C-alpha atoms as a PDB file:
ATOM      1  CA  MET A   1     -11.152   6.203 -19.671  1.00  0.00           C
ATOM      2  CA  VAL A   2      -9.501   6.468 -16.264  1.00  0.00           C
ATOM      3  CA  LEU A   3     -10.725   4.089 -13.558  1.00  0.00           C
ATOM      4  CA  ALA A   4     -10.774   5.592 -10.046  1.00  0.00           C
ATOM      5  CA  LYS A   5     -11.694   4.007  -6.736  1.00  0.00           C
ATOM      6  CA  GLU A   6     -11.393   5.206  -3.149  1.00  0.00           C
ATOM      7  CA  TYR A   7     -10.277   2.548  -0.677  1.00  0.00           C
ATOM      8  CA  ARG A   8     -11.034   3.226   2.975  1.00  0.00           C
ATOM      9  CA  VAL A   9      -9.060   1.403   5.661  1.00  0.00           C
ATOM     10  CA  VAL A  10     -10.052   1.960   9.295  1.00  0.00           C
ATOM     11  CA  LEU A  11      -7.425   1.092  11.907  1.00  0.00           C
ATOM     12  CA  PRO A  12      -7.351   0.885  15.734  1.00  0.00           C
ATOM     13  CA  CYS A  13      -4.436   3.286  16.072  1.00  0.00           C
ATOM     14  CA  SER A  14      -3.966   7.049  16.039  1.00  0.00           C
ATOM     15  CA  VAL A  15      -2.804   9.032  13.012  1.00  0.00           C
ATOM     16  CA  ASP A  16       0.495   9.800  14.775  1.00  0.00           C
ATOM     17  CA  GLU A  17       1.042   6.131  15.595  1.00  0.00           C
ATOM     18  CA  TYR A  18       0.269   5.191  12.012  1.00  0.00           C
ATOM     19  CA  GLN A  19       2.962   7.493  10.629  1.00  0.00           C
ATOM     20  CA  VAL A  20       5.649   5.367  12.297  1.00  0.00           C
ATOM     21  CA  GLY A  21       3.835   2.071  11.770  1.00  0.00           C
ATOM     22  CA  GLN A  22       3.389   2.708   8.061  1.00  0.00           C
ATOM     23  CA  LEU A  23       7.074   3.400   7.440  1.00  0.00           C
ATOM     24  CA  TYR A  24       8.185   0.440   9.551  1.00  0.00           C
ATOM     25  CA  SER A  25       5.785  -1.874   7.725  1.00  0.00           C
ATOM     26  CA  VAL A  26       6.803  -0.601   4.273  1.00  0.00           C
ATOM     27  CA  ALA A  27      10.422  -1.468   5.061  1.00  0.00           C
ATOM     28  CA  GLU A  28       9.561  -4.929   6.394  1.00  0.00           C
ATOM     29  CA  ALA A  29       7.099  -5.736   3.601  1.00  0.00           C
ATOM     30  CA  SER A  30       9.674  -4.679   0.984  1.00  0.00           C
ATOM     31  CA  LYS A  31      12.058  -7.341   2.275  1.00  0.00           C
ATOM     32  CA  ASN A  32       9.305  -9.954   2.049  1.00  0.00           C
ATOM     33  CA  GLU A  33       8.803  -9.081  -1.636  1.00  0.00           C
ATOM     34  CA  THR A  34      12.440  -9.085  -2.768  1.00  0.00           C
ATOM     35  CA  GLY A  35      14.700 -11.891  -3.999  1.00  0.00           C
ATOM     36  CA  GLY A  36      15.799 -13.861  -7.049  1.00  0.00           C
ATOM     37  CA  GLY A  37      16.421 -10.833  -9.266  1.00  0.00           C
ATOM     38  CA  GLU A  38      13.007  -9.339  -8.564  1.00  0.00           C
ATOM     39  CA  GLY A  39      11.496  -7.032  -6.001  1.00  0.00           C
ATOM     40  CA  ILE A  40      12.205  -3.505  -4.855  1.00  0.00           C
ATOM     41  CA  GLN A  41      15.194  -1.274  -5.514  1.00  0.00           C
ATOM     42  CA  VAL A  42      15.405   2.037  -3.634  1.00  0.00           C
ATOM     43  CA  LEU A  43      17.059   4.770  -5.718  1.00  0.00           C
ATOM     44  CA  CYS A  44      16.328   7.783  -3.540  1.00  0.00           C
ATOM     45  CA  ASN A  45      14.995   8.558  -0.058  1.00  0.00           C
ATOM     46  CA  GLU A  46      15.423  12.198   0.932  1.00  0.00           C
ATOM     47  CA  PRO A  47      13.561  15.253   2.274  1.00  0.00           C
ATOM     48  CA  TYR A  48      11.789  17.473  -0.261  1.00  0.00           C
ATOM     49  CA  GLN A  49      10.013  20.813  -0.425  1.00  0.00           C
ATOM     50  CA  ILE A  50       7.579  21.894  -3.144  1.00  0.00           C
ATOM     51  CA  GLU A  51       6.376  25.417  -2.374  1.00  0.00           C
ATOM     52  CA  GLU A  52       4.697  25.092   1.058  1.00  0.00           C
ATOM     53  CA  GLU A  53       4.639  21.285   0.999  1.00  0.00           C
ATOM     54  CA  THR A  54       7.459  19.480   2.810  1.00  0.00           C
ATOM     55  CA  GLY A  55       8.042  15.798   3.427  1.00  0.00           C
ATOM     56  CA  GLN A  56      10.052  12.765   2.351  1.00  0.00           C
ATOM     57  CA  PHE A  57      10.556  11.839  -1.321  1.00  0.00           C
ATOM     58  CA  THR A  58      11.282   8.279  -2.408  1.00  0.00           C
ATOM     59  CA  HIS A  59      12.021   6.831  -5.834  1.00  0.00           C
ATOM     60  CA  LYS A  60      11.852   3.051  -6.138  1.00  0.00           C
ATOM     61  CA  ILE A  61      12.002   0.565  -8.984  1.00  0.00           C
ATOM     62  CA  TYR A  62       9.843  -2.559  -8.887  1.00  0.00           C
ATOM     63  CA  HIS A  63      11.267  -5.513 -10.837  1.00  0.00           C
ATOM     64  CA  LEU A  64       8.253  -7.748 -11.517  1.00  0.00           C
ATOM     65  CA  GLN A  65       9.082 -10.033 -14.448  1.00  0.00           C
ATOM     66  CA  SER A  66       7.544 -13.257 -13.067  1.00  0.00           C
ATOM     67  CA  LYS A  67       4.930 -11.619 -10.830  1.00  0.00           C
ATOM     68  CA  VAL A  68       2.577 -10.368 -13.537  1.00  0.00           C
ATOM     69  CA  PRO A  69      -0.128 -12.453 -15.287  1.00  0.00           C
ATOM     70  CA  SER A  70       1.037 -14.654 -18.155  1.00  0.00           C
ATOM     71  CA  PHE A  71      -0.947 -12.740 -20.789  1.00  0.00           C
ATOM     72  CA  ILE A  72       1.021  -9.597 -19.923  1.00  0.00           C
ATOM     73  CA  ARG A  73       4.367 -11.434 -19.959  1.00  0.00           C
ATOM     74  CA  MET A  74       3.549 -12.754 -23.429  1.00  0.00           C
ATOM     75  CA  LEU A  75       2.947  -9.237 -24.749  1.00  0.00           C
ATOM     76  CA  ALA A  76       5.649  -7.349 -22.865  1.00  0.00           C
ATOM     77  CA  PRO A  77       9.126  -7.029 -24.426  1.00  0.00           C
ATOM     78  CA  GLU A  78      12.072  -8.233 -22.371  1.00  0.00           C
ATOM     79  CA  GLY A  79      13.073  -5.729 -19.708  1.00  0.00           C
ATOM     80  CA  SER A  80       9.794  -3.801 -19.887  1.00  0.00           C
ATOM     81  CA  LEU A  81       8.291  -5.140 -16.653  1.00  0.00           C
ATOM     82  CA  THR A  82      10.033  -2.683 -14.372  1.00  0.00           C
ATOM     83  CA  PHE A  83       7.951   0.049 -12.788  1.00  0.00           C
ATOM     84  CA  HIS A  84       9.068   3.347 -11.294  1.00  0.00           C
ATOM     85  CA  GLU A  85       7.367   4.499  -8.105  1.00  0.00           C
ATOM     86  CA  LYS A  86       7.815   8.104  -7.004  1.00  0.00           C
ATOM     87  CA  ALA A  87       6.242   9.051  -3.686  1.00  0.00           C
ATOM     88  CA  TRP A  88       5.891  12.355  -1.867  1.00  0.00           C
ATOM     89  CA  ASN A  89       5.080  11.700   1.788  1.00  0.00           C
ATOM     90  CA  ALA A  90       3.877  14.953   3.348  1.00  0.00           C
ATOM     91  CA  PHE A  91       2.078  13.108   6.118  1.00  0.00           C
ATOM     92  CA  PRO A  92      -0.861  13.089   6.793  1.00  0.00           C
ATOM     93  CA  TYR A  93      -1.132  13.515   3.009  1.00  0.00           C
ATOM     94  CA  CYS A  94       0.799  11.222   0.667  1.00  0.00           C
ATOM     95  CA  ARG A  95       0.972  11.058  -3.122  1.00  0.00           C
ATOM     96  CA  THR A  96       2.415   8.159  -5.119  1.00  0.00           C
ATOM     97  CA  VAL A  97       2.789   7.845  -8.903  1.00  0.00           C
ATOM     98  CA  ILE A  98       3.747   4.600 -10.656  1.00  0.00           C
ATOM     99  CA  THR A  99       4.915   4.654 -14.282  1.00  0.00           C
ATOM    100  CA  ASN A 100       6.545   2.371 -16.831  1.00  0.00           C
ATOM    101  CA  GLU A 101       9.217   3.509 -19.294  1.00  0.00           C
ATOM    102  CA  TYR A 102       7.981   1.160 -22.035  1.00  0.00           C
ATOM    103  CA  MET A 103       4.330   2.317 -21.802  1.00  0.00           C
ATOM    104  CA  LYS A 104       5.309   5.981 -21.322  1.00  0.00           C
ATOM    105  CA  ASP A 105       2.196   8.222 -21.240  1.00  0.00           C
ATOM    106  CA  SER A 106      -0.113   5.261 -21.890  1.00  0.00           C
ATOM    107  CA  PHE A 107       0.105   3.990 -18.313  1.00  0.00           C
ATOM    108  CA  PHE A 108       0.092   5.344 -14.796  1.00  0.00           C
ATOM    109  CA  VAL A 109      -1.214   4.528 -11.343  1.00  0.00           C
ATOM    110  CA  LYS A 110      -1.733   7.439  -8.969  1.00  0.00           C
ATOM    111  CA  ILE A 111      -2.432   6.873  -5.271  1.00  0.00           C
ATOM    112  CA  GLU A 112      -3.422   9.869  -3.150  1.00  0.00           C
ATOM    113  CA  THR A 113      -3.933   9.224   0.553  1.00  0.00           C
ATOM    114  CA  TRP A 114      -5.334  11.295   3.377  1.00  0.00           C
ATOM    115  CA  HIS A 115      -4.992   9.926   6.898  1.00  0.00           C
ATOM    116  CA  LYS A 116      -7.833  11.214   9.067  1.00  0.00           C
ATOM    117  CA  PRO A 117      -8.764  10.715  12.763  1.00  0.00           C
ATOM    118  CA  ASP A 118     -12.218   9.332  11.924  1.00  0.00           C
ATOM    119  CA  MET A 119     -14.028   6.052  11.229  1.00  0.00           C
ATOM    120  CA  GLY A 120     -14.043   6.306   7.437  1.00  0.00           C
ATOM    121  CA  ASN A 121     -17.410   8.027   7.252  1.00  0.00           C
ATOM    122  CA  ASN A 122     -16.398  11.247   5.495  1.00  0.00           C
ATOM    123  CA  ASP A 123     -16.993  11.687   1.774  1.00  0.00           C
ATOM    124  CA  ASN A 124     -14.757  13.393  -0.764  1.00  0.00           C
ATOM    125  CA  VAL A 125     -11.839  14.087   1.577  1.00  0.00           C
ATOM    126  CA  HIS A 126      -9.724  14.585  -1.554  1.00  0.00           C
ATOM    127  CA  GLY A 127     -11.825  17.559  -2.650  1.00  0.00           C
ATOM    128  CA  LEU A 128     -12.744  16.317  -6.117  1.00  0.00           C
ATOM    129  CA  ASP A 129     -15.232  18.052  -8.362  1.00  0.00           C
ATOM    130  CA  ALA A 130     -18.727  16.868  -7.351  1.00  0.00           C
ATOM    131  CA  GLU A 131     -19.463  15.319 -10.759  1.00  0.00           C
ATOM    132  CA  LYS A 132     -16.116  13.547 -10.844  1.00  0.00           C
ATOM    133  CA  TYR A 133     -16.589  12.215  -7.324  1.00  0.00           C
ATOM    134  CA  LYS A 134     -19.879  10.593  -8.342  1.00  0.00           C
ATOM    135  CA  GLU A 135     -17.882   8.305 -10.645  1.00  0.00           C
ATOM    136  CA  VAL A 136     -15.537   7.146  -7.874  1.00  0.00           C
ATOM    137  CA  GLU A 137     -16.371   3.744  -6.391  1.00  0.00           C
ATOM    138  CA  ILE A 138     -15.996   3.532  -2.594  1.00  0.00           C
ATOM    139  CA  VAL A 139     -14.374   0.304  -1.360  1.00  0.00           C
ATOM    140  CA  ASN A 140     -14.287  -0.409   2.377  1.00  0.00           C
ATOM    141  CA  ILE A 141     -11.526  -2.725   3.581  1.00  0.00           C
ATOM    142  CA  ASP A 142     -11.979  -4.533   6.903  1.00  0.00           C
ATOM    143  CA  ILE A 143      -8.592  -5.735   8.154  1.00  0.00           C
ATOM    144  CA  ALA A 144     -10.251  -8.292  10.465  1.00  0.00           C
ATOM    145  CA  ASP A 145     -12.398  -9.904   7.751  1.00  0.00           C
ATOM    146  CA  ARG A 146     -10.648 -13.051   6.555  1.00  0.00           C
ATOM    147  CA  THR A 147     -12.986 -13.335   3.551  1.00  0.00           C
ATOM    148  CA  GLN A 148     -11.292 -10.236   2.107  1.00  0.00           C
ATOM    149  CA  VAL A 149      -7.902 -11.988   2.122  1.00  0.00           C
ATOM    150  CA  HIS A 150      -6.552 -13.923  -0.873  1.00  0.00           C
ATOM    151  CA  THR A 151      -6.244 -17.597   0.154  1.00  0.00           C
ATOM    152  CA  SER A 152      -2.543 -17.753  -0.701  1.00  0.00           C
ATOM    153  CA  ASP A 153      -1.870 -14.592   1.361  1.00  0.00           C
ATOM    154  CA  TYR A 154      -3.384 -15.744   4.645  1.00  0.00           C
ATOM    155  CA  LYS A 155      -1.073 -16.156   7.649  1.00  0.00           C
ATOM    156  CA  THR A 156      -2.299 -16.779  11.191  1.00  0.00           C
ATOM    157  CA  GLU A 157       0.420 -14.507  12.599  1.00  0.00           C
ATOM    158  CA  GLU A 158      -0.922 -11.662  10.424  1.00  0.00           C
ATOM    159  CA  ASP A 159      -4.587 -12.086  11.350  1.00  0.00           C
ATOM    160  CA  PRO A 160      -5.982  -9.159  13.398  1.00  0.00           C
ATOM    161  CA  ALA A 161      -8.870 -11.416  14.460  1.00  0.00           C
ATOM    162  CA  LEU A 162      -6.333 -13.584  16.315  1.00  0.00           C
ATOM    163  CA  PHE A 163      -3.598 -11.120  17.277  1.00  0.00           C
ATOM    164  CA  HIS A 164      -3.324  -9.439  20.673  1.00  0.00           C
ATOM    165  CA  SER A 165      -0.823  -6.674  21.374  1.00  0.00           C
ATOM    166  CA  GLU A 166       0.971  -7.121  24.677  1.00  0.00           C
ATOM    167  CA  LYS A 167       2.368  -3.585  24.644  1.00  0.00           C
ATOM    168  CA  VAL A 168      -0.792  -1.579  23.951  1.00  0.00           C
ATOM    169  CA  ASP A 169      -3.511  -4.148  24.758  1.00  0.00           C
ATOM    170  CA  ARG A 170      -5.310  -4.034  21.394  1.00  0.00           C
ATOM    171  CA  GLY A 171      -6.895  -6.957  19.590  1.00  0.00           C
ATOM    172  CA  PRO A 172      -8.024  -9.511  18.778  1.00  0.00           C
ATOM    173  CA  LEU A 173     -10.505  -7.653  16.572  1.00  0.00           C
ATOM    174  CA  THR A 174     -14.039  -9.069  16.743  1.00  0.00           C
ATOM    175  CA  PRO A 175     -16.522  -9.046  13.821  1.00  0.00           C
ATOM    176  CA  ASP A 176     -18.030  -5.877  15.387  1.00  0.00           C
ATOM    177  CA  TRP A 177     -14.710  -4.199  16.145  1.00  0.00           C
ATOM    178  CA  LYS A 178     -15.521  -1.082  14.119  1.00  0.00           C
ATOM    179  CA  LYS A 179     -18.802  -0.519  15.977  1.00  0.00           C
ATOM    180  CA  GLU A 180     -17.032  -1.044  19.296  1.00  0.00           C
ATOM    181  CA  LEU A 181     -14.289   1.392  18.299  1.00  0.00           C
ATOM    182  CA  ALA A 182     -16.779   4.026  17.126  1.00  0.00           C
ATOM    183  CA  SER A 183     -18.673   3.832  20.426  1.00  0.00           C
ATOM    184  CA  ASP A 184     -15.611   4.840  22.461  1.00  0.00           C
ATOM    185  CA  SER A 185     -14.064   8.128  21.322  1.00  0.00           C
ATOM    186  CA  GLU A 186     -11.176   7.671  23.771  1.00  0.00           C
ATOM    187  CA  LYS A 187      -9.798   4.686  21.845  1.00  0.00           C
ATOM    188  CA  PRO A 188      -7.224   5.458  19.113  1.00  0.00           C
ATOM    189  CA  HIS A 189      -8.704   5.239  15.624  1.00  0.00           C
ATOM    190  CA  MET A 190      -8.109   6.555  12.129  1.00  0.00           C
ATOM    191  CA  CYS A 191      -8.879   5.959   8.476  1.00  0.00           C
ATOM    192  CA  ALA A 192      -6.608   5.902   5.442  1.00  0.00           C
ATOM    193  CA  TYR A 193      -8.551   7.270   2.468  1.00  0.00           C
ATOM    194  CA  LYS A 194      -6.700   6.014  -0.604  1.00  0.00           C
ATOM    195  CA  LEU A 195      -7.849   7.435  -3.945  1.00  0.00           C
ATOM    196  CA  VAL A 196      -6.423   5.202  -6.676  1.00  0.00           C
ATOM    197  CA  THR A 197      -6.520   6.315 -10.307  1.00  0.00           C
ATOM    198  CA  VAL A 198      -5.484   3.796 -12.962  1.00  0.00           C
ATOM    199  CA  TYR A 199      -4.857   4.525 -16.644  1.00  0.00           C
ATOM    200  CA  PHE A 200      -3.779   1.873 -19.157  1.00  0.00           C
ATOM    201  CA  LYS A 201      -4.126   2.654 -22.863  1.00  0.00           C
ATOM    202  CA  TRP A 202      -3.823  -0.521 -24.920  1.00  0.00           C
ATOM    203  CA  TRP A 203      -6.602  -1.399 -27.335  1.00  0.00           C
ATOM    204  CA  GLY A 204      -8.409  -4.571 -26.319  1.00  0.00           C
ATOM    205  CA  LEU A 205      -6.725  -4.800 -22.923  1.00  0.00           C
ATOM    206  CA  GLN A 206      -7.520  -1.498 -21.233  1.00  0.00           C
ATOM    207  CA  ASN A 207     -10.527  -2.547 -19.143  1.00  0.00           C
ATOM    208  CA  LYS A 208      -9.040  -5.928 -18.242  1.00  0.00           C
ATOM    209  CA  VAL A 209      -5.718  -4.507 -17.068  1.00  0.00           C
ATOM    210  CA  GLU A 210      -7.218  -1.539 -15.211  1.00  0.00           C
ATOM    211  CA  SER A 211      -9.548  -3.892 -13.324  1.00  0.00           C
ATOM    212  CA  LEU A 212      -6.662  -6.261 -12.593  1.00  0.00           C
ATOM    213  CA  ILE A 213      -4.523  -3.434 -11.198  1.00  0.00           C
ATOM    214  CA  HIS A 214      -7.337  -2.322  -8.893  1.00  0.00           C
ATOM    215  CA  LYS A 215      -7.777  -5.910  -7.738  1.00  0.00           C
ATOM    216  CA  GLN A 216      -4.080  -6.062  -6.874  1.00  0.00           C
ATOM    217  CA  GLU A 217      -4.103  -2.656  -5.151  1.00  0.00           C
ATOM    218  CA  ARG A 218      -6.958  -3.792  -2.927  1.00  0.00           C
ATOM    219  CA  ARG A 219      -5.039  -6.987  -2.164  1.00  0.00           C
ATOM    220  CA  ILE A 220      -1.907  -4.993  -1.281  1.00  0.00           C
ATOM    221  CA  PHE A 221      -3.809  -2.519   0.923  1.00  0.00           C
ATOM    222  CA  THR A 222      -5.568  -5.366   2.746  1.00  0.00           C
ATOM    223  CA  ASN A 223      -2.427  -7.408   3.401  1.00  0.00           C
ATOM    224  CA  PHE A 224      -0.316  -4.376   4.299  1.00  0.00           C
ATOM    225  CA  HIS A 225      -2.684  -2.998   6.918  1.00  0.00           C
ATOM    226  CA  ARG A 226      -3.260  -6.419   8.458  1.00  0.00           C
ATOM    227  CA  GLN A 227       0.511  -6.689   8.821  1.00  0.00           C
ATOM    228  CA  LEU A 228       0.832  -3.152  10.175  1.00  0.00           C
ATOM    229  CA  PHE A 229      -1.602  -3.878  13.002  1.00  0.00           C
ATOM    230  CA  CYS A 230      -0.132  -7.290  13.826  1.00  0.00           C
ATOM    231  CA  TRP A 231       3.390  -5.817  13.900  1.00  0.00           C
ATOM    232  CA  ILE A 232       2.412  -3.010  16.285  1.00  0.00           C
ATOM    233  CA  ASP A 233       4.528  -4.356  19.157  1.00  0.00           C
ATOM    234  CA  HIS A 234       7.588  -4.082  16.903  1.00  0.00           C
ATOM    235  CA  TRP A 235       7.073  -0.422  15.961  1.00  0.00           C
ATOM    236  CA  ILE A 236       4.988   1.259  18.688  1.00  0.00           C
ATOM    237  CA  ASP A 237       8.097   2.334  20.671  1.00  0.00           C
ATOM    238  CA  LEU A 238      10.027   3.641  17.646  1.00  0.00           C
ATOM    239  CA  ASN A 239      10.441   7.301  16.674  1.00  0.00           C
ATOM    240  CA  MET A 240      11.168   8.901  13.293  1.00  0.00           C
ATOM    241  CA  ASP A 241      14.943   8.832  13.865  1.00  0.00           C
ATOM    242  CA  ASP A 242      14.705   5.072  14.404  1.00  0.00           C
ATOM    243  CA  ILE A 243      12.696   4.759  11.189  1.00  0.00           C
ATOM    244  CA  ARG A 244      15.204   6.714   9.070  1.00  0.00           C
ATOM    245  CA  ARG A 245      18.047   4.516  10.341  1.00  0.00           C
ATOM    246  CA  MET A 246      15.992   1.436   9.578  1.00  0.00           C
ATOM    247  CA  GLU A 247      15.247   2.696   6.053  1.00  0.00           C
ATOM    248  CA  GLU A 248      18.960   3.165   5.352  1.00  0.00           C
ATOM    249  CA  GLU A 249      19.686  -0.381   6.487  1.00  0.00           C
ATOM    250  CA  THR A 250      16.747  -1.745   4.493  1.00  0.00           C
ATOM    251  CA  GLN A 251      17.925  -0.031   1.301  1.00  0.00           C
ATOM    252  CA  LYS A 252      21.245  -1.900   1.530  1.00  0.00           C
ATOM    253  CA  GLU A 253      19.554  -5.181   2.454  1.00  0.00           C
ATOM    254  CA  LEU A 254      17.170  -4.991  -0.513  1.00  0.00           C
ATOM    255  CA  GLU A 255      20.029  -4.532  -2.966  1.00  0.00           C
ATOM    256  CA  GLU A 256      21.720  -7.638  -1.574  1.00  0.00           C
ATOM    257  CA  MET A 257      18.515  -9.691  -1.405  1.00  0.00           C
ATOM    258  CA  ARG A 258      17.465  -8.868  -4.968  1.00  0.00           C
ATOM    259  CA  ARG A 259      20.655 -10.441  -6.306  1.00  0.00           C
ATOM    260  CA  LYS A 260      20.275 -13.688  -4.385  1.00  0.00           C
ATOM    261  CA  GLY A 261      17.888 -16.516  -3.601  1.00  0.00           C
ATOM    262  CA  GLN A 262      14.452 -17.112  -5.034  1.00  0.00           C
ATOM    263  CA  VAL A 263      11.609 -14.861  -6.101  1.00  0.00           C
ATOM    264  CA  ARG A 264       9.532 -14.029  -3.017  1.00  0.00           C
ATOM    265  CA  GLY A 265       6.249 -12.445  -2.035  1.00  0.00           C
ATOM    266  CA  THR A 266       2.923 -11.565  -3.617  1.00  0.00           C
ATOM    267  CA  SER A 267       2.339 -12.534  -7.230  1.00  0.00           C
ATOM    268  CA  ALA A 268      -0.449 -11.810  -9.700  1.00  0.00           C
ATOM    269  CA  ALA A 269       0.963 -14.419 -12.102  1.00  0.00           C
ATOM    270  CA  LYS A 270      -2.097 -16.672 -11.813  1.00  0.00           C
ATOM    271  CA  GLU A 271      -4.589 -13.842 -12.255  1.00  0.00           C
ATOM    272  CA  SER A 272      -6.349 -13.451 -15.577  1.00  0.00           C
END
């Protein structure tokens, strides 16, 4: 069985603003997750074209030996906890596929995202078959709700309920920020609709691991978009040329950081 959920993340920025903010935040977050032999290795970052679809293709390797739960480390052979992420960013549509060479066809995570200029109130933006869509669980993420944040992940400087942007005068976000945003069509707003499909075929572990992966994806989406909003003053004046230069620099930095220091960033090691 394949477990699919659609995560909806509403943000107080426009779709065009988000395109730059997303790429900036991916680069910064990657550095926060890399060190001590683990983290993110960028193999490829280049333009692509598949028929009428054009965009940016990236191929990354995630080295996660100590960041997975202990029951997985006990079962996984040495060197098997590296995951390949291939992403096709044809913004406003993005598609990401995560695989593992050891698990081969018995494991994948697919993330399909549409970025829409709405408040997250549209159903089936991915155009699934009606019967299939009935099986998809809808999960709404509120970036200003601290109760949705893992205790060990919380940082005051990454809290949209506390942050105020000096450059664009947005925030702090109140408990009713979505209602306030919806009542004023002139204010920038958008929603990332992220359809996540998880498949893990291992007798006795399938349901547990698929649920764990979804739990971690929700955690990642929550933390990432809180950061994106709170970093807005760093990226709001950038353009795509700035971003591509930054990505080149980040690729080199990650390679250096992965070889040095201590393991950094988010870990699911204590999850069970």
